[in-house]
Amino acid sequence: MNQRKYTEKEKLAYLDKASEIGHSRARRELGYPNSWSTANSWAKEFNVTIALSELKAKSAAFNQWYRDEELLIAMQDVIDRGMEYINDKDDLSPDEYKKTVEGIKRAIETKNLIEGKATSRAGTESAQSSDEVFKNLLSAFEGDEQKVSEPESQEA
């Protein structure tokens, strides 16, 4: 299969035309190059931006939304089915349970990523406050009572 080699002058003439009217119309009018991917590689080679037509831009945005919406539905289905599996099966082995929970976790993380939500959490709790909570709980268990901390009074 012989591929025609285009001169730099031909490439630049094409890119000049495509900058005005877009890849598709320029290819039809000039009769070259044979493929959109070749035309796009020329644009990249010469660092020329070819704007998409308004209709193509809207179509691309709609396709992205549609793909994301479908993925959200699929991830929610994975989460629902995983929860049903855990709740309905009485004789789950620890390994089956772990694998199912990991699958649900991945689906939730994927769903959050698509929705633009955080997929990880960094704690901001101080070690001192956690230590105090554990000490109070330990004291409550040892003394068979729960300690309720009194709120500090504020002077007016």
N, C-alpha and C. Protein backbone atom coordinates (compact mmCIF):
# COMPACT_ATOMS: atom_id res chain seq x y z
N MET A 1 0.85 -1.17 0.00
CA MET A 1 0.00 0.00 0.00
C MET A 1 0.90 1.24 0.00
N ASN A 2 0.81 2.02 -1.04
CA ASN A 2 1.62 3.23 -1.15
C ASN A 2 0.90 4.41 -0.53
N GLN A 3 1.57 5.05 0.38
CA GLN A 3 1.02 6.26 0.97
C GLN A 3 1.75 7.44 0.37
N ARG A 4 0.99 8.41 -0.07
CA ARG A 4 1.58 9.60 -0.66
C ARG A 4 2.25 10.44 0.42
N LYS A 5 3.42 10.93 0.11
CA LYS A 5 4.12 11.84 1.00
C LYS A 5 3.78 13.26 0.59
N TYR A 6 3.34 14.05 1.56
CA TYR A 6 2.97 15.43 1.28
C TYR A 6 4.12 16.35 1.65
N THR A 7 4.26 17.40 0.86
CA THR A 7 5.31 18.38 1.14
C THR A 7 4.87 19.27 2.30
N GLU A 8 5.84 19.96 2.84
CA GLU A 8 5.53 20.87 3.94
C GLU A 8 4.59 21.97 3.45
N LYS A 9 4.78 22.40 2.20
CA LYS A 9 3.92 23.44 1.63
C LYS A 9 2.48 22.95 1.54
N GLU A 10 2.26 21.72 1.13
CA GLU A 10 0.91 21.15 1.04
C GLU A 10 0.28 21.03 2.43
N LYS A 11 1.07 20.59 3.38
CA LYS A 11 0.56 20.46 4.75
C LYS A 11 0.14 21.82 5.30
N LEU A 12 0.99 22.83 5.10
CA LEU A 12 0.67 24.16 5.59
C LEU A 12 -0.55 24.76 4.88
N ALA A 13 -0.69 24.48 3.58
CA ALA A 13 -1.87 24.96 2.85
C ALA A 13 -3.13 24.31 3.41
N TYR A 14 -3.02 23.02 3.68
CA TYR A 14 -4.17 22.32 4.27
C TYR A 14 -4.51 22.92 5.64
N LEU A 15 -3.52 23.10 6.49
CA LEU A 15 -3.74 23.62 7.84
C LEU A 15 -4.31 25.03 7.82
N ASP A 16 -3.90 25.84 6.85
CA ASP A 16 -4.44 27.18 6.72
C ASP A 16 -5.94 27.11 6.41
N LYS A 17 -6.29 26.25 5.49
CA LYS A 17 -7.69 26.07 5.11
C LYS A 17 -8.49 25.47 6.26
N ALA A 18 -7.94 24.46 6.91
CA ALA A 18 -8.63 23.78 8.02
C ALA A 18 -8.84 24.72 9.20
N SER A 19 -7.93 25.66 9.40
CA SER A 19 -8.09 26.62 10.49
C SER A 19 -9.33 27.47 10.28
N GLU A 20 -9.66 27.73 9.01
CA GLU A 20 -10.82 28.55 8.68
C GLU A 20 -12.13 27.76 8.71
N ILE A 21 -12.10 26.53 8.15
CA ILE A 21 -13.37 25.82 7.95
C ILE A 21 -13.45 24.45 8.62
N GLY A 22 -12.40 24.02 9.26
CA GLY A 22 -12.41 22.72 9.94
C GLY A 22 -11.83 21.60 9.09
N HIS A 23 -11.51 20.49 9.76
CA HIS A 23 -10.87 19.35 9.08
C HIS A 23 -11.75 18.77 7.97
N SER A 24 -12.97 18.47 8.28
CA SER A 24 -13.82 17.76 7.32
C SER A 24 -14.00 18.53 6.01
N ARG A 25 -14.38 19.80 6.13
CA ARG A 25 -14.60 20.60 4.92
C ARG A 25 -13.30 20.82 4.15
N ALA A 26 -12.19 21.04 4.86
CA ALA A 26 -10.90 21.25 4.19
C ALA A 26 -10.48 20.00 3.42
N ARG A 27 -10.69 18.85 4.02
CA ARG A 27 -10.34 17.60 3.33
C ARG A 27 -11.20 17.41 2.08
N ARG A 28 -12.48 17.76 2.17
CA ARG A 28 -13.36 17.63 0.99
C ARG A 28 -12.94 18.61 -0.10
N GLU A 29 -12.68 19.85 0.26
CA GLU A 29 -12.35 20.87 -0.73
C GLU A 29 -10.99 20.64 -1.39
N LEU A 30 -10.00 20.26 -0.58
CA LEU A 30 -8.64 20.09 -1.12
C LEU A 30 -8.39 18.68 -1.67
N GLY A 31 -9.17 17.72 -1.20
CA GLY A 31 -9.00 16.35 -1.68
C GLY A 31 -7.88 15.58 -0.98
N TYR A 32 -7.33 16.14 0.03
CA TYR A 32 -6.29 15.46 0.82
C TYR A 32 -6.30 16.01 2.22
N PRO A 33 -5.74 15.37 3.16
CA PRO A 33 -5.21 14.00 3.21
C PRO A 33 -6.35 12.98 3.22
N ASN A 34 -5.98 11.71 3.16
CA ASN A 34 -6.99 10.66 3.08
C ASN A 34 -7.74 10.43 4.39
N SER A 35 -7.13 10.77 5.51
CA SER A 35 -7.79 10.48 6.79
C SER A 35 -7.74 11.68 7.73
N TRP A 36 -8.71 11.69 8.63
CA TRP A 36 -8.78 12.73 9.64
C TRP A 36 -7.57 12.63 10.57
N SER A 37 -7.15 11.39 10.88
CA SER A 37 -6.03 11.23 11.80
C SER A 37 -4.74 11.81 11.22
N THR A 38 -4.55 11.68 9.90
CA THR A 38 -3.37 12.29 9.27
C THR A 38 -3.45 13.80 9.38
N ALA A 39 -4.63 14.35 9.10
CA ALA A 39 -4.82 15.80 9.19
C ALA A 39 -4.57 16.28 10.62
N ASN A 40 -5.06 15.53 11.58
CA ASN A 40 -4.88 15.91 12.98
C ASN A 40 -3.41 15.81 13.38
N SER A 41 -2.69 14.82 12.86
CA SER A 41 -1.26 14.71 13.20
C SER A 41 -0.48 15.87 12.60
N TRP A 42 -0.88 16.37 11.43
CA TRP A 42 -0.24 17.55 10.87
C TRP A 42 -0.47 18.76 11.78
N ALA A 43 -1.68 18.89 12.26
CA ALA A 43 -1.99 20.02 13.15
C ALA A 43 -1.11 19.96 14.39
N LYS A 44 -0.93 18.78 14.93
CA LYS A 44 -0.07 18.63 16.10
C LYS A 44 1.40 18.91 15.74
N GLU A 45 1.82 18.42 14.59
CA GLU A 45 3.20 18.60 14.14
C GLU A 45 3.56 20.09 14.02
N PHE A 46 2.61 20.89 13.50
CA PHE A 46 2.87 22.31 13.30
C PHE A 46 2.26 23.18 14.39
N ASN A 47 1.78 22.51 15.45
CA ASN A 47 1.21 23.20 16.62
C ASN A 47 0.08 24.17 16.22
N VAL A 48 -0.84 23.66 15.39
CA VAL A 48 -1.98 24.45 14.93
C VAL A 48 -3.23 23.86 15.57
N THR A 49 -4.07 24.73 16.13
CA THR A 49 -5.32 24.28 16.74
C THR A 49 -6.45 24.43 15.73
N ILE A 50 -7.13 23.34 15.47
CA ILE A 50 -8.28 23.36 14.57
C ILE A 50 -9.52 23.21 15.44
N ALA A 51 -10.36 24.23 15.44
CA ALA A 51 -11.56 24.21 16.28
C ALA A 51 -12.58 23.23 15.70
N LEU A 52 -13.25 22.55 16.61
CA LEU A 52 -14.34 21.68 16.18
C LEU A 52 -15.54 22.55 15.82
N SER A 53 -16.36 22.04 14.95
CA SER A 53 -17.57 22.79 14.66
C SER A 53 -18.43 22.80 15.91
N GLU A 54 -19.33 23.76 15.98
CA GLU A 54 -20.18 23.90 17.17
C GLU A 54 -20.98 22.62 17.41
N LEU A 55 -21.50 22.03 16.34
CA LEU A 55 -22.28 20.81 16.48
C LEU A 55 -21.42 19.67 17.01
N LYS A 56 -20.19 19.54 16.51
CA LYS A 56 -19.29 18.49 16.99
C LYS A 56 -18.92 18.70 18.45
N ALA A 57 -18.71 19.95 18.84
CA ALA A 57 -18.37 20.25 20.24
C ALA A 57 -19.53 19.86 21.15
N LYS A 58 -20.76 20.19 20.76
CA LYS A 58 -21.93 19.82 21.55
C LYS A 58 -22.08 18.30 21.61
N SER A 59 -21.83 17.66 20.48
CA SER A 59 -21.93 16.20 20.43
C SER A 59 -20.90 15.55 21.34
N ALA A 60 -19.68 16.07 21.34
CA ALA A 60 -18.64 15.50 22.19
C ALA A 60 -19.00 15.67 23.67
N ALA A 61 -19.54 16.82 24.02
CA ALA A 61 -19.95 17.06 25.42
C ALA A 61 -21.09 16.12 25.80
N PHE A 62 -22.04 15.93 24.90
CA PHE A 62 -23.16 15.03 25.18
C PHE A 62 -22.68 13.59 25.33
N ASN A 63 -21.77 13.18 24.46
CA ASN A 63 -21.25 11.81 24.54
C ASN A 63 -20.53 11.56 25.86
N GLN A 64 -19.78 12.55 26.35
CA GLN A 64 -19.11 12.42 27.63
C GLN A 64 -20.12 12.30 28.76
N TRP A 65 -21.16 13.14 28.73
CA TRP A 65 -22.21 13.09 29.76
C TRP A 65 -22.90 11.73 29.72
N TYR A 66 -23.23 11.27 28.53
CA TYR A 66 -23.94 10.00 28.38
C TYR A 66 -23.09 8.85 28.91
N ARG A 67 -21.80 8.86 28.58
CA ARG A 67 -20.89 7.80 29.05
C ARG A 67 -20.80 7.82 30.57
N ASP A 68 -20.65 9.01 31.15
CA ASP A 68 -20.57 9.12 32.61
C ASP A 68 -21.86 8.66 33.26
N GLU A 69 -22.99 9.06 32.70
CA GLU A 69 -24.29 8.67 33.26
C GLU A 69 -24.46 7.15 33.23
N GLU A 70 -24.06 6.53 32.14
CA GLU A 70 -24.14 5.07 32.04
C GLU A 70 -23.23 4.39 33.05
N LEU A 71 -22.03 4.93 33.24
CA LEU A 71 -21.11 4.36 34.22
C LEU A 71 -21.65 4.50 35.63
N LEU A 72 -22.28 5.63 35.94
CA LEU A 72 -22.87 5.82 37.27
C LEU A 72 -23.97 4.78 37.52
N ILE A 73 -24.79 4.55 36.52
CA ILE A 73 -25.86 3.55 36.65
C ILE A 73 -25.26 2.17 36.86
N ALA A 74 -24.22 1.84 36.10
CA ALA A 74 -23.58 0.52 36.22
C ALA A 74 -22.94 0.35 37.60
N MET A 75 -22.26 1.39 38.09
CA MET A 75 -21.62 1.28 39.41
C MET A 75 -22.65 1.14 40.52
N GLN A 76 -23.78 1.84 40.41
CA GLN A 76 -24.83 1.71 41.41
C GLN A 76 -25.41 0.29 41.39
N ASP A 77 -25.51 -0.29 40.19
CA ASP A 77 -25.99 -1.66 40.07
C ASP A 77 -25.02 -2.64 40.74
N VAL A 78 -23.73 -2.43 40.56
CA VAL A 78 -22.72 -3.28 41.21
C VAL A 78 -22.85 -3.18 42.73
N ILE A 79 -23.01 -1.96 43.23
CA ILE A 79 -23.15 -1.76 44.68
C ILE A 79 -24.40 -2.47 45.19
N ASP A 80 -25.52 -2.28 44.51
CA ASP A 80 -26.78 -2.91 44.93
C ASP A 80 -26.69 -4.43 44.91
N ARG A 81 -26.13 -4.98 43.85
CA ARG A 81 -26.03 -6.45 43.74
C ARG A 81 -25.07 -7.01 44.79
N GLY A 82 -24.01 -6.30 45.05
CA GLY A 82 -23.06 -6.75 46.08
C GLY A 82 -23.71 -6.77 47.45
N MET A 83 -24.47 -5.74 47.77
CA MET A 83 -25.16 -5.68 49.06
C MET A 83 -26.22 -6.79 49.16
N GLU A 84 -26.94 -7.03 48.08
CA GLU A 84 -27.93 -8.11 48.07
C GLU A 84 -27.25 -9.46 48.31
N TYR A 85 -26.10 -9.66 47.66
CA TYR A 85 -25.37 -10.92 47.80
C TYR A 85 -24.95 -11.13 49.26
N ILE A 86 -24.43 -10.08 49.88
CA ILE A 86 -24.01 -10.20 51.28
C ILE A 86 -25.21 -10.45 52.19
N ASN A 87 -26.30 -9.73 51.97
CA ASN A 87 -27.47 -9.85 52.84
C ASN A 87 -28.24 -11.15 52.64
N ASP A 88 -28.26 -11.69 51.43
CA ASP A 88 -29.08 -12.87 51.15
C ASP A 88 -28.36 -14.19 51.39
N LYS A 89 -27.05 -14.18 51.37
CA LYS A 89 -26.30 -15.43 51.50
C LYS A 89 -25.86 -15.60 52.95
N ASP A 90 -26.40 -16.62 53.60
CA ASP A 90 -26.11 -16.86 55.01
C ASP A 90 -24.78 -17.57 55.25
N ASP A 91 -24.29 -18.30 54.27
CA ASP A 91 -23.09 -19.12 54.47
C ASP A 91 -21.87 -18.56 53.71
N LEU A 92 -21.70 -17.26 53.75
CA LEU A 92 -20.55 -16.64 53.09
C LEU A 92 -19.26 -17.00 53.84
N SER A 93 -18.27 -17.40 53.09
CA SER A 93 -16.97 -17.63 53.71
C SER A 93 -16.30 -16.28 53.91
N PRO A 94 -15.33 -16.20 54.80
CA PRO A 94 -14.62 -14.92 54.99
C PRO A 94 -14.00 -14.40 53.69
N ASP A 95 -13.50 -15.32 52.86
CA ASP A 95 -12.89 -14.91 51.60
C ASP A 95 -13.93 -14.33 50.64
N GLU A 96 -15.09 -14.99 50.55
CA GLU A 96 -16.17 -14.49 49.69
C GLU A 96 -16.64 -13.11 50.16
N TYR A 97 -16.77 -12.97 51.47
CA TYR A 97 -17.21 -11.70 52.05
C TYR A 97 -16.20 -10.59 51.71
N LYS A 98 -14.92 -10.90 51.90
CA LYS A 98 -13.87 -9.91 51.65
C LYS A 98 -13.86 -9.49 50.17
N LYS A 99 -13.96 -10.47 49.27
CA LYS A 99 -13.96 -10.15 47.84
C LYS A 99 -15.17 -9.32 47.44
N THR A 100 -16.33 -9.64 48.00
CA THR A 100 -17.54 -8.89 47.69
C THR A 100 -17.44 -7.46 48.20
N VAL A 101 -16.96 -7.30 49.43
CA VAL A 101 -16.82 -5.96 50.00
C VAL A 101 -15.80 -5.15 49.21
N GLU A 102 -14.72 -5.76 48.77
CA GLU A 102 -13.71 -5.05 47.97
C GLU A 102 -14.31 -4.61 46.64
N GLY A 103 -15.14 -5.45 46.03
CA GLY A 103 -15.81 -5.08 44.79
C GLY A 103 -16.76 -3.90 44.99
N ILE A 104 -17.50 -3.93 46.09
CA ILE A 104 -18.41 -2.82 46.40
C ILE A 104 -17.61 -1.54 46.63
N LYS A 105 -16.50 -1.68 47.34
CA LYS A 105 -15.66 -0.51 47.62
C LYS A 105 -15.13 0.11 46.33
N ARG A 106 -14.68 -0.72 45.41
CA ARG A 106 -14.18 -0.22 44.13
C ARG A 106 -15.28 0.48 43.34
N ALA A 107 -16.48 -0.09 43.37
CA ALA A 107 -17.61 0.52 42.67
C ALA A 107 -17.94 1.89 43.27
N ILE A 108 -17.91 1.98 44.59
CA ILE A 108 -18.19 3.26 45.26
C ILE A 108 -17.11 4.28 44.91
N GLU A 109 -15.86 3.86 44.92
CA GLU A 109 -14.76 4.78 44.58
C GLU A 109 -14.87 5.25 43.13
N THR A 110 -15.22 4.34 42.22
CA THR A 110 -15.39 4.70 40.82
C THR A 110 -16.54 5.69 40.66
N LYS A 111 -17.63 5.41 41.34
CA LYS A 111 -18.80 6.29 41.29
C LYS A 111 -18.44 7.67 41.81
N ASN A 112 -17.74 7.73 42.93
CA ASN A 112 -17.33 9.01 43.49
C ASN A 112 -16.38 9.76 42.55
N LEU A 113 -15.49 9.03 41.90
CA LEU A 113 -14.56 9.65 40.97
C LEU A 113 -15.30 10.28 39.79
N ILE A 114 -16.27 9.57 39.24
CA ILE A 114 -17.06 10.09 38.13
C ILE A 114 -17.83 11.34 38.55
N GLU A 115 -18.36 11.32 39.78
CA GLU A 115 -19.14 12.45 40.28
C GLU A 115 -18.26 13.61 40.73
N GLY A 116 -16.95 13.42 40.71
CA GLY A 116 -16.04 14.48 41.11
C GLY A 116 -15.90 14.62 42.61
N LYS A 117 -16.26 13.58 43.33
CA LYS A 117 -16.14 13.61 44.79
C LYS A 117 -14.80 13.02 45.20
N ALA A 118 -14.39 13.30 46.42
CA ALA A 118 -13.12 12.79 46.93
C ALA A 118 -13.16 11.27 47.00
N THR A 119 -12.04 10.65 46.68
CA THR A 119 -11.96 9.20 46.75
C THR A 119 -11.06 8.73 47.88
N SER A 120 -10.50 9.66 48.62
CA SER A 120 -9.71 9.29 49.79
C SER A 120 -9.96 10.33 50.87
N ARG A 121 -9.60 9.98 52.07
CA ARG A 121 -9.84 10.88 53.19
C ARG A 121 -8.60 10.92 54.06
N ALA A 122 -8.17 12.11 54.39
CA ALA A 122 -7.06 12.28 55.31
C ALA A 122 -7.64 12.80 56.62
N GLY A 123 -7.42 12.07 57.68
CA GLY A 123 -7.98 12.47 58.97
C GLY A 123 -7.32 13.70 59.53
N THR A 124 -8.11 14.48 60.25
CA THR A 124 -7.57 15.68 60.88
C THR A 124 -7.70 15.62 62.39
N GLU A 125 -8.12 14.46 62.88
CA GLU A 125 -8.29 14.32 64.33
C GLU A 125 -6.91 14.31 64.98
N SER A 126 -6.85 14.89 66.15
CA SER A 126 -5.57 14.90 66.86
C SER A 126 -5.46 13.64 67.71
N ALA A 127 -4.25 13.18 67.88
CA ALA A 127 -4.01 11.97 68.67
C ALA A 127 -4.43 12.18 70.11
N GLN A 128 -4.28 13.37 70.61
CA GLN A 128 -4.61 13.66 71.99
C GLN A 128 -6.10 13.46 72.25
N SER A 129 -6.96 13.97 71.36
CA SER A 129 -8.39 13.83 71.58
C SER A 129 -8.81 12.37 71.47
N SER A 130 -8.21 11.61 70.57
CA SER A 130 -8.52 10.19 70.44
C SER A 130 -8.08 9.44 71.69
N ASP A 131 -6.90 9.76 72.20
CA ASP A 131 -6.42 9.12 73.43
C ASP A 131 -7.37 9.37 74.58
N GLU A 132 -7.85 10.59 74.68
CA GLU A 132 -8.78 10.95 75.75
C GLU A 132 -10.08 10.15 75.64
N VAL A 133 -10.57 9.98 74.44
CA VAL A 133 -11.79 9.21 74.23
C VAL A 133 -11.58 7.76 74.67
N PHE A 134 -10.46 7.18 74.27
CA PHE A 134 -10.19 5.79 74.66
C PHE A 134 -10.01 5.64 76.17
N LYS A 135 -9.37 6.60 76.80
CA LYS A 135 -9.22 6.55 78.25
C LYS A 135 -10.57 6.60 78.94
N ASN A 136 -11.45 7.48 78.47
CA ASN A 136 -12.80 7.56 79.04
C ASN A 136 -13.57 6.27 78.84
N LEU A 137 -13.47 5.68 77.66
CA LEU A 137 -14.16 4.41 77.41
C LEU A 137 -13.62 3.30 78.30
N LEU A 138 -12.30 3.24 78.42
CA LEU A 138 -11.68 2.22 79.26
C LEU A 138 -12.12 2.40 80.72
N SER A 139 -12.13 3.63 81.20
CA SER A 139 -12.59 3.89 82.56
C SER A 139 -14.05 3.49 82.75
N ALA A 140 -14.86 3.76 81.74
CA ALA A 140 -16.29 3.42 81.83
C ALA A 140 -16.47 1.91 81.90
N PHE A 141 -15.69 1.16 81.11
CA PHE A 141 -15.82 -0.30 81.15
C PHE A 141 -15.31 -0.86 82.47
N GLU A 142 -14.20 -0.30 82.93
CA GLU A 142 -13.65 -0.79 84.20
C GLU A 142 -14.56 -0.46 85.37
N GLY A 143 -15.16 0.71 85.34
CA GLY A 143 -16.02 1.13 86.43
C GLY A 143 -17.48 0.75 86.19
N ASP A 144 -17.75 0.06 85.06
CA ASP A 144 -19.09 -0.38 84.71
C ASP A 144 -20.06 0.80 84.65
N GLU A 145 -19.55 1.93 84.19
CA GLU A 145 -20.39 3.12 84.03
C GLU A 145 -19.84 3.92 82.86
N GLN A 146 -20.66 4.77 82.34
CA GLN A 146 -20.22 5.63 81.25
C GLN A 146 -19.94 7.01 81.80
N LYS A 147 -18.81 7.54 81.41
CA LYS A 147 -18.46 8.89 81.83
C LYS A 147 -18.96 9.85 80.75
N VAL A 148 -19.66 10.82 81.18
CA VAL A 148 -20.13 11.85 80.27
C VAL A 148 -19.35 13.11 80.60
N SER A 149 -18.69 13.64 79.60
CA SER A 149 -17.90 14.83 79.88
C SER A 149 -18.82 16.02 79.93
N GLU A 150 -18.58 16.86 80.93
CA GLU A 150 -19.37 18.05 81.14
C GLU A 150 -18.89 19.12 80.17
N PRO A 151 -19.81 19.82 79.51
CA PRO A 151 -19.34 20.90 78.65
C PRO A 151 -18.78 22.02 79.50
N GLU A 152 -17.71 22.63 79.01
CA GLU A 152 -17.09 23.72 79.74
C GLU A 152 -18.03 24.90 79.78
N SER A 153 -18.17 25.51 80.94
CA SER A 153 -19.08 26.65 81.05
C SER A 153 -18.38 27.87 80.51
N GLN A 154 -19.17 28.71 79.88
CA GLN A 154 -18.63 29.94 79.31
C GLN A 154 -19.12 31.09 80.19
N GLU A 155 -18.21 31.98 80.51
CA GLU A 155 -18.57 33.13 81.32
C GLU A 155 -19.00 34.24 80.39
N ALA A 156 -20.12 34.88 80.74
CA ALA A 156 -20.64 35.95 79.89
C ALA A 156 -20.01 37.27 80.21
